[in-house]
Amino acid sequence: MITRRQFFQMATAAAAAPLVPGLSFAATTPGTRDDEALQASVVPEPSGWVAGLNISNPAVLVSVNLFDGLITYDDALKPVPQLARAWDESSDRKTVIFHLRNDVKWHDGQPFTSADVQYSLMEVTKRFHPRGGATFATLDAVDTPDAHTAIFRFSSPVPAMWAALGGYETQILPKHLYAGSPPLTNPLNAKPIGNGPYKFVEWARGNYVSLERNPDYWDKTNQPHFERIIFRIIPDAGARLTALQSGDLRYAPTDAVSLPDLVRLQKDPRFVVSGRAFDGIAPICFFDFNLRQKRFQDVRVRQAFAHAIDRDALARIVWYGLAKPAQGPIPSYQKQFFKPDLPQYKFDPAKAEALLDEAGLKRGSDGVRLRINNLPLPFGNQYTLTSQFIQAQLRRIGVELQLIATDVPTFNRRAYADYDFDTITNWYSAFADPQLGVTRRYWSKQIKPGSTSSNASGYSTPEMDRAIEGLVSEADPVKRKPFIDAMQLIAQQQIPSINLLELHLYSIHAANLKGFSTTPVGAYSSLASVQNA
């Protein structure tokens, strides 16, 4: 059995050069006092800051301060009014009338209206959001009888909608600035105009993003406390740790430090380390195959890879116990959806070798059966270490895995536009309902070239499509559950993607701060209520 010391010795020896290229950090963020500005971090640097179009984790963490949603959530994940002050739902749940606030302005001074809601749902979310097509598959129209009423009309009810209408997921964009141009390439994605508690000021690429308090923010009960938020872009984990320890950095929502350092910070009274800030988004780490390649179309090959990876050791050694082996695509703690007793692939290198032999992938004279590449998600060193661990394990069964370093734009292009990869190590959010975050990995309709965090593997089977189309069109929870069960069973039987780990992401903030959201989507809430203790 591999030990943590042995693994990290192997990883160090393998790293002849840094796997994920970094950017040098120049400490030229705007000078501010602690009572004026909250210094935070965001990593890595995304290609834009509009979460309705760029759903990467760092984009969302900034964007939720710029945009409000139709609703937000309480500690029990129940909907709470935000841009929609109230709503009415028909008895058949096919019609939902949202009564919008009449005192909301976009940051350019224009009023927020139902036209923005209609445009955003029908022209942006349904068409371009990687999860929106599945979530709102049966949304046929958004009617706007007046400026402050938006009527959602569905061909069949969508219970998952209520888990998706928060500003971190279904973002409302200003129609007057987006209509008539391709949303994905609109220059405003790099300098957003929202309606939330903070306004965008500047993006100094490779250095920081600065926001300032919105003086016209509609919510008088939750006015932002800090005048500014500076999200610093510090690629090096050691530099982030130093900034935290010096007090220069006071909030790090995710991927801030190495896990050994995190264990130490948990015992340091100067910091609060929260493991609940991401519970509501339910992250699942997985290993994707590019099923467009013939060698991966044999299920025995995919099964062999699954048997070759010791997921218990991966969770213990690489993730320091801040993860647990996944039993399927839905986290086991989501009891209302999770199906127990799914097919599992226990760690068995001998069985893996036998399966590869059966599939015709014999060892060559050099002992190698297969040479393939892998793109680790460039969201911090933890995913690189995960790929290095898998690399070491696959080598035992004659598979050479070459790890390829990328930055976020390159990763997104290769994974989701060009499909230029053999395998990927990645994580997606399952979210509070599998319709939001799980179906996109397996539904053929989610093969959308250029759409990030979608079905990158190219997996498409009639039986899986039937299961997913059943769960997105059935409103009754009892009748819907068999379709959700079928999706999980097919995913584990056919394993187009190996479900590796249920992740427990963390956030860190200085102990002299208070007011962070305590809801299950805490890290995906605005920082308006955060203040000095």
Protein backbone atom coordinates (compact mmCIF):
# COMPACT_ATOMS: atom_id res chain seq x y z
CA MET A 1 0.00 0.00 0.00
CA ILE A 2 1.35 3.41 -0.96
CA THR A 3 2.02 5.84 1.89
CA ARG A 4 1.71 9.62 1.86
CA ARG A 5 5.51 9.97 2.12
CA GLN A 6 6.07 7.58 -0.81
CA PHE A 7 3.51 9.35 -2.95
CA PHE A 8 4.92 12.83 -2.41
CA GLN A 9 8.44 11.53 -3.04
CA MET A 10 7.24 10.17 -6.39
CA ALA A 11 5.37 13.35 -7.20
CA THR A 12 8.43 15.47 -6.44
CA ALA A 13 10.65 13.27 -8.56
CA ALA A 14 8.20 13.41 -11.47
CA ALA A 15 7.96 17.18 -11.40
CA ALA A 16 10.99 18.20 -13.42
CA ALA A 17 9.20 21.49 -14.05
CA PRO A 18 6.13 23.12 -12.52
CA LEU A 19 3.10 21.31 -13.89
CA VAL A 20 0.73 24.26 -13.86
CA PRO A 21 2.36 27.45 -15.13
CA GLY A 22 2.07 30.38 -12.74
CA LEU A 23 2.02 34.11 -13.07
CA SER A 24 4.32 36.35 -11.11
CA PHE A 25 2.40 38.37 -8.54
CA ALA A 26 3.18 42.06 -8.30
CA ALA A 27 1.88 43.58 -5.10
CA THR A 28 0.33 46.60 -6.77
CA THR A 29 -3.21 46.29 -5.47
CA PRO A 30 -4.79 49.59 -4.47
CA GLY A 31 -3.63 50.79 -1.05
CA THR A 32 -6.52 50.64 1.43
CA ARG A 33 -7.15 50.41 5.16
CA ASP A 34 -8.79 47.35 6.70
CA ASP A 35 -11.92 49.38 7.50
CA GLU A 36 -12.24 50.46 3.87
CA ALA A 37 -11.43 47.37 1.81
CA LEU A 38 -11.70 43.63 2.17
CA GLN A 39 -8.64 41.96 0.69
CA ALA A 40 -9.64 38.56 -0.70
CA SER A 41 -8.15 36.06 -3.12
CA VAL A 42 -9.46 34.35 -6.20
CA VAL A 43 -7.69 31.52 -7.99
CA PRO A 44 -7.20 30.78 -10.80
CA GLU A 45 -7.89 33.75 -13.04
CA PRO A 46 -10.87 33.05 -15.33
CA SER A 47 -11.55 34.54 -18.75
CA GLY A 48 -14.44 36.68 -17.51
CA TRP A 49 -16.52 37.57 -14.47
CA VAL A 50 -20.14 36.98 -15.56
CA ALA A 51 -21.18 33.72 -13.91
CA GLY A 52 -24.24 33.38 -16.14
CA LEU A 53 -21.86 32.72 -19.03
CA ASN A 54 -18.59 31.67 -17.37
CA ILE A 55 -19.56 29.23 -14.63
CA SER A 56 -16.04 28.51 -13.38
CA ASN A 57 -15.70 28.64 -9.61
CA PRO A 58 -13.50 31.78 -9.45
CA ALA A 59 -15.84 33.70 -11.77
CA VAL A 60 -18.82 32.82 -9.59
CA LEU A 61 -17.09 33.90 -6.37
CA VAL A 62 -16.60 37.41 -7.75
CA SER A 63 -19.79 37.62 -9.80
CA VAL A 64 -22.18 37.03 -6.88
CA ASN A 65 -21.13 40.43 -5.54
CA LEU A 66 -22.10 42.11 -8.81
CA PHE A 67 -25.39 40.39 -9.64
CA ASP A 68 -28.41 39.45 -7.53
CA GLY A 69 -30.70 36.55 -8.42
CA LEU A 70 -34.45 36.32 -8.64
CA ILE A 71 -34.26 34.48 -5.33
CA THR A 72 -31.73 33.64 -2.64
CA TYR A 73 -31.79 30.97 0.08
CA ASP A 74 -32.09 30.53 3.82
CA ASP A 75 -30.18 28.10 6.02
CA ALA A 76 -32.48 25.27 4.96
CA LEU A 77 -32.01 26.04 1.24
CA LYS A 78 -35.56 27.34 0.97
CA PRO A 79 -36.20 30.16 -1.54
CA VAL A 80 -36.15 33.73 -0.19
CA PRO A 81 -37.16 36.79 -2.28
CA GLN A 82 -34.44 38.87 -3.87
CA LEU A 83 -35.01 40.53 -7.27
CA ALA A 84 -38.41 38.83 -7.21
CA ARG A 85 -40.27 40.20 -4.19
CA ALA A 86 -42.93 37.46 -4.40
CA TRP A 87 -44.25 34.73 -6.70
CA ASP A 88 -47.37 32.68 -7.41
CA GLU A 89 -47.40 29.13 -8.72
CA SER A 90 -50.34 27.53 -10.51
CA SER A 91 -51.86 24.34 -9.12
CA ASP A 92 -50.32 22.27 -11.94
CA ARG A 93 -46.97 24.04 -11.36
CA LYS A 94 -46.63 24.81 -15.06
CA THR A 95 -46.97 28.55 -14.56
CA VAL A 96 -44.96 30.65 -12.13
CA ILE A 97 -45.60 34.39 -11.87
CA PHE A 98 -42.69 36.40 -10.48
CA HIS A 99 -43.50 39.84 -9.12
CA LEU A 100 -40.31 41.84 -9.53
CA ARG A 101 -39.01 44.68 -7.43
CA ASN A 102 -39.54 48.13 -8.95
CA ASP A 103 -36.62 49.84 -7.20
CA VAL A 104 -33.67 47.99 -8.75
CA LYS A 105 -31.23 49.68 -11.12
CA TRP A 106 -28.40 48.34 -13.18
CA HIS A 107 -25.02 49.80 -12.36
CA ASP A 108 -25.30 52.10 -15.39
CA GLY A 109 -28.48 53.63 -13.94
CA GLN A 110 -31.00 51.89 -16.20
CA PRO A 111 -33.99 50.19 -14.50
CA PHE A 112 -34.15 46.44 -14.03
CA THR A 113 -37.31 45.06 -15.72
CA SER A 114 -39.05 41.87 -16.76
CA ALA A 115 -37.48 42.26 -20.21
CA ASP A 116 -34.12 41.48 -18.61
CA VAL A 117 -35.55 38.32 -17.08
CA GLN A 118 -37.12 37.17 -20.35
CA TYR A 119 -33.96 37.81 -22.36
CA SER A 120 -31.67 36.16 -19.80
CA LEU A 121 -33.71 32.96 -19.41
CA MET A 122 -34.69 32.41 -23.03
CA GLU A 123 -31.69 33.78 -24.92
CA VAL A 124 -28.81 33.18 -22.52
CA THR A 125 -29.49 30.54 -19.86
CA LYS A 126 -31.32 28.04 -22.07
CA ARG A 127 -28.91 28.46 -24.97
CA PHE A 128 -25.47 29.06 -23.50
CA HIS A 129 -25.36 28.06 -19.82
CA PRO A 130 -23.87 24.54 -19.54
CA ARG A 131 -26.55 23.55 -17.01
CA GLY A 132 -29.35 25.81 -18.17
CA GLY A 133 -30.45 23.62 -21.07
CA ALA A 134 -31.15 20.74 -18.71
CA THR A 135 -32.61 22.80 -15.88
CA PHE A 136 -34.99 24.78 -18.06
CA ALA A 137 -35.57 22.16 -20.76
CA THR A 138 -39.37 22.48 -20.46
CA LEU A 139 -39.48 26.27 -20.09
CA ASP A 140 -41.39 27.29 -23.21
CA ALA A 141 -41.75 31.03 -22.67
CA VAL A 142 -41.29 33.95 -20.30
CA ASP A 143 -44.15 36.43 -20.72
CA THR A 144 -43.79 40.07 -19.67
CA PRO A 145 -47.26 41.64 -19.28
CA ASP A 146 -45.65 44.65 -17.60
CA ALA A 147 -42.21 45.88 -16.56
CA HIS A 148 -42.32 44.18 -13.17
CA THR A 149 -44.04 40.86 -13.91
CA ALA A 150 -42.35 37.83 -15.47
CA ILE A 151 -44.46 34.74 -16.14
CA PHE A 152 -42.61 31.46 -16.61
CA ARG A 153 -44.58 28.96 -18.72
CA PHE A 154 -43.52 25.31 -18.69
CA SER A 155 -44.71 22.34 -20.73
CA SER A 156 -44.08 20.27 -17.60
CA PRO A 157 -43.17 21.37 -14.07
CA VAL A 158 -39.52 21.74 -13.03
CA PRO A 159 -39.02 21.19 -9.29
CA ALA A 160 -35.26 21.69 -9.78
CA MET A 161 -35.89 25.27 -10.87
CA TRP A 162 -36.11 26.42 -7.25
CA ALA A 163 -32.58 25.20 -6.62
CA ALA A 164 -31.33 27.05 -9.71
CA LEU A 165 -32.74 30.57 -9.50
CA GLY A 166 -30.04 31.98 -7.21
CA GLY A 167 -27.76 34.61 -8.66
CA TYR A 168 -24.77 32.25 -8.66
CA GLU A 169 -26.56 29.91 -11.09
CA THR A 170 -29.26 31.62 -13.14
CA GLN A 171 -27.95 35.12 -13.61
CA ILE A 172 -30.08 37.96 -14.95
CA LEU A 173 -28.15 40.11 -17.45
CA PRO A 174 -29.00 43.63 -18.68
CA LYS A 175 -30.84 43.14 -21.97
CA HIS A 176 -30.12 46.68 -23.14
CA LEU A 177 -26.39 45.88 -23.10
CA TYR A 178 -26.42 42.29 -24.38
CA ALA A 179 -29.26 41.93 -26.90
CA GLY A 180 -28.12 42.00 -30.51
CA SER A 181 -24.60 40.72 -29.82
CA PRO A 182 -23.24 37.20 -29.14
CA PRO A 183 -23.41 36.89 -25.32
CA LEU A 184 -20.30 34.75 -25.02
CA THR A 185 -18.08 37.36 -26.69
CA ASN A 186 -19.63 40.53 -25.29
CA PRO A 187 -16.83 42.80 -23.93
CA LEU A 188 -18.91 43.34 -20.77
CA ASN A 189 -18.02 39.82 -19.66
CA ALA A 190 -14.64 41.29 -18.67
CA LYS A 191 -16.14 44.45 -17.10
CA PRO A 192 -19.62 43.49 -15.88
CA ILE A 193 -22.53 45.80 -15.28
CA GLY A 194 -24.78 44.16 -12.71
CA ASN A 195 -27.36 45.14 -10.12
CA GLY A 196 -25.82 43.78 -6.93
CA PRO A 197 -24.25 45.32 -3.81
CA TYR A 198 -20.90 45.99 -5.46
CA LYS A 199 -19.92 47.58 -8.78
CA PHE A 200 -17.06 46.49 -11.00
CA VAL A 201 -14.16 48.95 -11.12
CA GLU A 202 -11.06 47.38 -12.64
CA TRP A 203 -9.47 44.14 -13.72
CA ALA A 204 -5.68 44.37 -13.65
CA ARG A 205 -5.03 41.06 -15.36
CA GLY A 206 -2.76 38.75 -13.44
CA ASN A 207 -2.94 41.02 -10.41
CA TYR A 208 -6.37 41.90 -9.00
CA VAL A 209 -10.04 42.65 -9.57
CA SER A 210 -11.47 45.60 -7.67
CA LEU A 211 -15.10 46.25 -6.78
CA GLU A 212 -16.66 49.23 -5.03
CA ARG A 213 -19.79 49.68 -2.94
CA ASN A 214 -22.95 50.33 -4.99
CA PRO A 215 -24.45 53.53 -3.49
CA ASP A 216 -27.80 52.81 -5.18
CA TYR A 217 -28.15 49.23 -3.98
CA TRP A 218 -31.84 48.45 -3.50
CA ASP A 219 -31.57 46.28 -0.35
CA LYS A 220 -31.49 48.87 2.44
CA THR A 221 -31.34 46.13 5.10
CA ASN A 222 -28.14 44.64 3.69
CA GLN A 223 -26.01 47.53 2.52
CA PRO A 224 -22.38 46.53 1.91
CA HIS A 225 -20.09 47.28 4.85
CA PHE A 226 -16.77 47.54 3.05
CA GLU A 227 -16.21 50.37 0.59
CA ARG A 228 -14.21 48.08 -1.66
CA ILE A 229 -13.41 44.42 -2.22
CA ILE A 230 -10.06 43.63 -3.81
CA PHE A 231 -9.85 40.08 -5.16
CA ARG A 232 -6.14 39.45 -5.52
CA ILE A 233 -4.88 36.99 -8.11
CA ILE A 234 -1.97 35.19 -6.45
CA PRO A 235 -1.11 32.02 -8.38
CA ASP A 236 1.39 30.61 -5.86
CA ALA A 237 -0.08 28.80 -2.85
CA GLY A 238 2.94 29.65 -0.72
CA ALA A 239 2.50 33.35 -1.47
CA ARG A 240 -1.19 33.10 -0.55
CA LEU A 241 -0.28 31.46 2.75
CA THR A 242 2.22 34.22 3.50
CA ALA A 243 -0.38 36.89 2.69
CA LEU A 244 -2.89 35.23 5.01
CA GLN A 245 -0.43 34.89 7.86
CA SER A 246 0.69 38.51 7.52
CA GLY A 247 -2.90 39.77 7.56
CA ASP A 248 -2.51 41.24 4.08
CA LEU A 249 -5.13 38.76 2.84
CA ARG A 250 -8.21 38.29 5.00
CA TYR A 251 -10.52 36.04 2.97
CA ALA A 252 -9.73 33.08 0.73
CA PRO A 253 -12.88 31.30 -0.45
CA THR A 254 -11.32 28.22 -2.03
CA ASP A 255 -8.09 26.47 -3.10
CA ALA A 256 -6.11 28.96 -1.03
CA VAL A 257 -3.33 26.87 0.49
CA SER A 258 -1.98 23.35 0.31
CA LEU A 259 -3.88 20.84 2.40
CA PRO A 260 -0.99 20.30 4.85
CA ASP A 261 -1.01 24.05 5.48
CA LEU A 262 -4.79 24.00 5.79
CA VAL A 263 -4.55 21.41 8.58
CA ARG A 264 -2.22 23.78 10.41
CA LEU A 265 -4.47 26.82 9.84
CA GLN A 266 -7.40 24.93 11.34
CA LYS A 267 -5.55 25.05 14.67
CA ASP A 268 -4.52 28.69 14.37
CA PRO A 269 -6.85 31.02 16.35
CA ARG A 270 -6.21 33.84 13.88
CA PHE A 271 -8.30 32.04 11.25
CA VAL A 272 -11.69 30.47 10.74
CA VAL A 273 -11.66 27.51 8.35
CA SER A 274 -15.13 26.58 7.15
CA GLY A 275 -15.91 23.23 5.59
CA ARG A 276 -19.59 24.07 5.08
CA ALA A 277 -19.25 26.97 2.66
CA PHE A 278 -19.63 24.73 -0.39
CA ASP A 279 -21.99 22.02 0.92
CA GLY A 280 -24.88 23.22 -1.21
CA ILE A 281 -22.95 22.90 -4.46
CA ALA A 282 -21.87 19.29 -3.73
CA PRO A 283 -18.53 18.95 -5.58
CA ILE A 284 -17.67 15.61 -7.21
CA CYS A 285 -14.17 14.90 -8.55
CA PHE A 286 -13.99 12.62 -11.59
CA PHE A 287 -11.72 11.22 -14.31
CA ASP A 288 -13.13 11.68 -17.81
CA PHE A 289 -12.34 9.67 -20.95
CA ASN A 290 -12.54 11.11 -24.45
CA LEU A 291 -15.02 8.59 -25.84
CA ARG A 292 -14.49 9.86 -29.38
CA GLN A 293 -11.35 7.69 -29.33
CA LYS A 294 -11.88 4.06 -30.22
CA ARG A 295 -9.61 2.73 -27.47
CA PHE A 296 -11.91 4.12 -24.78
CA GLN A 297 -15.12 2.83 -26.37
CA ASP A 298 -14.50 -0.65 -24.95
CA VAL A 299 -16.08 -0.65 -21.49
CA ARG A 300 -13.46 -3.14 -20.29
CA VAL A 301 -10.77 -0.48 -20.73
CA ARG A 302 -12.73 1.99 -18.64
CA GLN A 303 -13.41 -0.67 -16.01
CA ALA A 304 -9.70 -1.47 -15.90
CA PHE A 305 -8.85 2.15 -15.15
CA ALA A 306 -11.45 2.20 -12.40
CA HIS A 307 -10.01 -0.93 -10.78
CA ALA A 308 -6.47 0.49 -11.02
CA ILE A 309 -7.18 3.59 -8.90
CA ASP A 310 -7.16 3.22 -5.13
CA ARG A 311 -9.73 5.90 -4.27
CA ASP A 312 -9.48 5.29 -0.54
CA ALA A 313 -5.75 6.03 -0.68
CA LEU A 314 -6.40 9.02 -2.95
CA ALA A 315 -8.76 10.52 -0.37
CA ARG A 316 -6.45 9.76 2.54
CA ILE A 317 -3.05 10.58 1.07
CA VAL A 318 -3.65 13.35 -1.44
CA TRP A 319 -6.74 14.96 0.08
CA TYR A 320 -5.80 14.52 3.77
CA GLY A 321 -9.21 13.07 4.53
CA LEU A 322 -11.02 16.19 3.22
CA ALA A 323 -12.71 13.98 0.65
CA LYS A 324 -14.25 10.52 0.56
CA PRO A 325 -14.56 7.97 -2.24
CA ALA A 326 -17.56 8.65 -4.46
CA GLN A 327 -20.00 5.79 -4.94
CA GLY A 328 -21.59 7.37 -8.00
CA PRO A 329 -22.29 10.72 -9.65
CA ILE A 330 -24.53 11.96 -6.81
CA PRO A 331 -23.00 12.54 -3.36
CA SER A 332 -24.02 9.96 -0.76
CA TYR A 333 -25.16 12.70 1.65
CA GLN A 334 -27.92 13.76 -0.76
CA LYS A 335 -30.18 11.07 0.67
CA GLN A 336 -33.29 12.04 -1.28
CA PHE A 337 -31.51 11.35 -4.61
CA PHE A 338 -28.62 8.99 -3.87
CA LYS A 339 -29.04 5.35 -4.87
CA PRO A 340 -27.14 2.92 -2.62
CA ASP A 341 -25.69 -0.41 -3.75
CA LEU A 342 -24.52 0.83 -7.13
CA PRO A 343 -21.83 -1.16 -8.99
CA GLN A 344 -18.43 -0.36 -7.50
CA TYR A 345 -14.90 -0.96 -8.79
CA LYS A 346 -12.73 -1.94 -5.86
CA PHE A 347 -9.00 -1.42 -6.09
CA ASP A 348 -7.71 -4.54 -7.88
CA PRO A 349 -4.69 -4.05 -10.18
CA ALA A 350 -4.67 -7.73 -11.18
CA LYS A 351 -8.25 -7.50 -12.40
CA ALA A 352 -7.40 -4.28 -14.21
CA GLU A 353 -4.57 -6.03 -16.06
CA ALA A 354 -6.82 -8.94 -16.98
CA LEU A 355 -9.45 -6.60 -18.39
CA LEU A 356 -6.86 -4.80 -20.52
CA ASP A 357 -5.58 -8.16 -21.79
CA GLU A 358 -9.16 -9.13 -22.72
CA ALA A 359 -9.56 -5.82 -24.54
CA GLY A 360 -6.47 -6.56 -26.64
CA LEU A 361 -4.20 -4.02 -24.97
CA LYS A 362 -1.23 -6.27 -24.26
CA ARG A 363 2.01 -5.10 -22.70
CA GLY A 364 4.73 -4.29 -25.22
CA SER A 365 8.38 -5.26 -24.92
CA ASP A 366 8.84 -2.16 -22.75
CA GLY A 367 5.97 -3.20 -20.51
CA VAL A 368 3.69 -0.43 -21.74
CA ARG A 369 0.18 -1.15 -23.00
CA LEU A 370 -1.02 2.37 -23.67
CA ARG A 371 0.36 5.90 -23.76
CA ILE A 372 -2.19 8.65 -23.18
CA ASN A 373 -2.34 12.21 -21.89
CA ASN A 374 -4.25 13.84 -19.06
CA LEU A 375 -5.34 17.44 -18.45
CA PRO A 376 -5.55 18.20 -14.71
CA LEU A 377 -7.97 20.98 -13.88
CA PRO A 378 -5.80 24.12 -13.39
CA PHE A 379 -7.61 25.15 -10.20
CA GLY A 380 -4.70 24.67 -7.85
CA ASN A 381 -2.07 22.07 -7.12
CA GLN A 382 -4.52 19.61 -5.55
CA TYR A 383 -5.81 18.48 -8.95
CA THR A 384 -2.28 18.14 -10.27
CA LEU A 385 -1.42 15.95 -7.28
CA THR A 386 -4.56 13.90 -7.95
CA SER A 387 -3.44 13.32 -11.53
CA GLN A 388 0.08 12.45 -10.37
CA PHE A 389 -1.37 9.89 -7.96
CA ILE A 390 -3.43 8.34 -10.78
CA GLN A 391 -0.37 8.46 -13.03
CA ALA A 392 1.60 6.36 -10.52
CA GLN A 393 -1.23 3.88 -10.13
CA LEU A 394 -1.80 3.42 -13.88
CA ARG A 395 1.90 2.85 -14.44
CA ARG A 396 1.54 -0.37 -12.40
CA ILE A 397 -0.85 -1.78 -15.02
CA GLY A 398 1.23 -0.70 -18.02
CA VAL A 399 -0.46 2.61 -18.81
CA GLU A 400 1.75 5.69 -19.22
CA LEU A 401 -0.15 8.86 -18.40
CA GLN A 402 1.46 12.10 -19.58
CA LEU A 403 0.24 15.12 -17.62
CA ILE A 404 -0.18 18.31 -19.62
CA ALA A 405 0.00 21.72 -17.98
CA THR A 406 -2.60 24.31 -18.97
CA ASP A 407 -4.00 27.59 -17.78
CA VAL A 408 -7.78 28.08 -17.52
CA PRO A 409 -8.40 29.42 -21.07
CA THR A 410 -6.27 26.66 -22.60
CA PHE A 411 -7.94 23.97 -20.49
CA ASN A 412 -11.39 25.20 -21.49
CA ARG A 413 -10.46 25.32 -25.18
CA ARG A 414 -8.89 21.87 -25.22
CA ALA A 415 -11.54 20.22 -23.03
CA TYR A 416 -14.74 21.86 -24.26
CA ALA A 417 -14.12 23.34 -27.70
CA ASP A 418 -11.47 21.32 -29.51
CA TYR A 419 -11.90 18.08 -27.50
CA ASP A 420 -8.11 17.84 -27.67
CA PHE A 421 -7.41 15.42 -24.82
CA ASP A 422 -7.31 11.74 -23.94
CA THR A 423 -8.38 12.03 -20.30
CA ILE A 424 -9.19 14.82 -17.83
CA THR A 425 -9.08 15.11 -14.05
CA ASN A 426 -11.86 17.52 -13.09
CA TRP A 427 -14.63 18.40 -10.66
CA TYR A 428 -18.19 19.58 -11.19
CA SER A 429 -20.83 20.67 -8.72
CA ALA A 430 -23.71 18.22 -8.40
CA PHE A 431 -25.78 20.98 -6.75
CA ALA A 432 -28.92 20.53 -4.69
CA ASP A 433 -30.72 18.69 -7.50
CA PRO A 434 -29.07 16.32 -10.03
CA GLN A 435 -30.90 18.05 -12.87
CA LEU A 436 -28.65 21.06 -12.31
CA GLY A 437 -25.21 19.57 -12.00
CA VAL A 438 -25.19 15.86 -12.81
CA THR A 439 -27.15 15.48 -16.04
CA ARG A 440 -24.73 17.72 -17.96
CA ARG A 441 -22.01 15.07 -17.63
CA TYR A 442 -24.04 12.34 -19.33
CA TRP A 443 -26.78 13.84 -21.55
CA SER A 444 -26.10 13.88 -25.29
CA LYS A 445 -27.86 17.26 -25.50
CA GLN A 446 -25.10 18.66 -23.30
CA ILE A 447 -22.41 18.00 -25.91
CA LYS A 448 -22.03 21.67 -26.77
CA PRO A 449 -18.69 22.61 -28.35
CA GLY A 450 -17.38 25.74 -26.64
CA SER A 451 -19.66 25.43 -23.60
CA THR A 452 -17.56 24.97 -20.46
CA SER A 453 -18.37 22.38 -17.80
CA SER A 454 -20.61 20.42 -20.13
CA ASN A 455 -20.41 16.86 -21.54
CA ALA A 456 -16.75 16.93 -22.57
CA SER A 457 -16.39 13.14 -22.93
CA GLY A 458 -18.85 12.94 -25.81
CA TYR A 459 -20.79 10.22 -24.02
CA SER A 460 -24.13 9.46 -25.68
CA THR A 461 -26.38 6.41 -25.28
CA PRO A 462 -30.14 6.03 -25.81
CA GLU A 463 -30.69 4.48 -22.38
CA MET A 464 -28.96 7.30 -20.56
CA ASP A 465 -30.82 9.92 -22.60
CA ARG A 466 -34.12 8.24 -21.74
CA ALA A 467 -33.30 8.31 -18.03
CA ILE A 468 -32.28 11.96 -18.09
CA GLU A 469 -35.20 13.07 -20.22
CA GLY A 470 -37.49 11.29 -17.78
CA LEU A 471 -36.07 13.01 -14.72
CA VAL A 472 -36.13 16.50 -16.30
CA SER A 473 -39.73 16.15 -17.47
CA GLU A 474 -41.30 14.42 -14.43
CA ALA A 475 -42.40 16.68 -11.59
CA ASP A 476 -43.74 14.13 -9.10
CA PRO A 477 -40.86 13.24 -6.72
CA VAL A 478 -41.98 9.61 -6.40
CA LYS A 479 -42.26 9.08 -10.15
CA ARG A 480 -39.07 11.03 -10.80
CA LYS A 481 -36.86 8.98 -8.47
CA PRO A 482 -36.70 5.86 -10.72
CA PHE A 483 -35.29 7.98 -13.53
CA ILE A 484 -32.66 9.44 -11.17
CA ASP A 485 -31.82 5.92 -9.99
CA ALA A 486 -31.52 4.72 -13.59
CA MET A 487 -29.15 7.56 -14.44
CA GLN A 488 -26.87 6.62 -11.52
CA LEU A 489 -26.97 2.91 -12.35
CA ILE A 490 -26.15 3.42 -16.04
CA ALA A 491 -23.36 5.84 -15.15
CA GLN A 492 -21.74 3.26 -12.88
CA GLN A 493 -22.28 0.36 -15.27
CA GLN A 494 -20.96 2.08 -18.38
CA ILE A 495 -18.49 4.38 -16.55
CA PRO A 496 -17.89 6.94 -19.28
CA SER A 497 -16.35 8.86 -16.39
CA ILE A 498 -14.86 7.46 -13.18
CA ASN A 499 -16.43 9.07 -10.11
CA LEU A 500 -13.44 9.51 -7.83
CA LEU A 501 -14.25 11.58 -4.76
CA GLU A 502 -16.87 13.56 -2.91
CA LEU A 503 -14.94 16.75 -2.19
CA HIS A 504 -15.33 18.93 0.87
CA LEU A 505 -14.01 22.29 -0.20
CA TYR A 506 -13.16 24.91 2.39
CA SER A 507 -12.91 28.65 2.87
CA ILE A 508 -10.59 30.61 5.13
CA HIS A 509 -11.17 34.01 6.68
CA ALA A 510 -9.52 36.07 9.37
CA ALA A 511 -11.07 35.59 12.81
CA ASN A 512 -11.54 39.37 13.10
CA LEU A 513 -14.18 39.30 10.36
CA LYS A 514 -17.84 38.39 10.75
CA GLY A 515 -21.03 38.31 8.70
CA PHE A 516 -20.25 35.51 6.25
CA SER A 517 -23.26 33.60 4.95
CA THR A 518 -24.11 30.50 6.97
CA THR A 519 -26.30 28.95 4.28
CA PRO A 520 -25.23 25.79 2.39
CA VAL A 521 -24.33 28.03 -0.58
CA GLY A 522 -22.31 30.27 1.70
CA ALA A 523 -19.29 30.82 -0.56
CA TYR A 524 -21.64 31.59 -3.45
CA SER A 525 -23.29 34.43 -1.52
CA SER A 526 -22.33 38.10 -1.75
CA LEU A 527 -19.98 39.63 0.78
CA ALA A 528 -22.27 42.59 1.47
CA SER A 529 -22.86 41.55 5.09
CA VAL A 530 -19.19 40.87 5.88
CA GLN A 531 -17.62 43.37 8.28
CA ASN A 532 -14.90 43.78 10.86
CA ALA A 533 -15.69 42.00 14.10
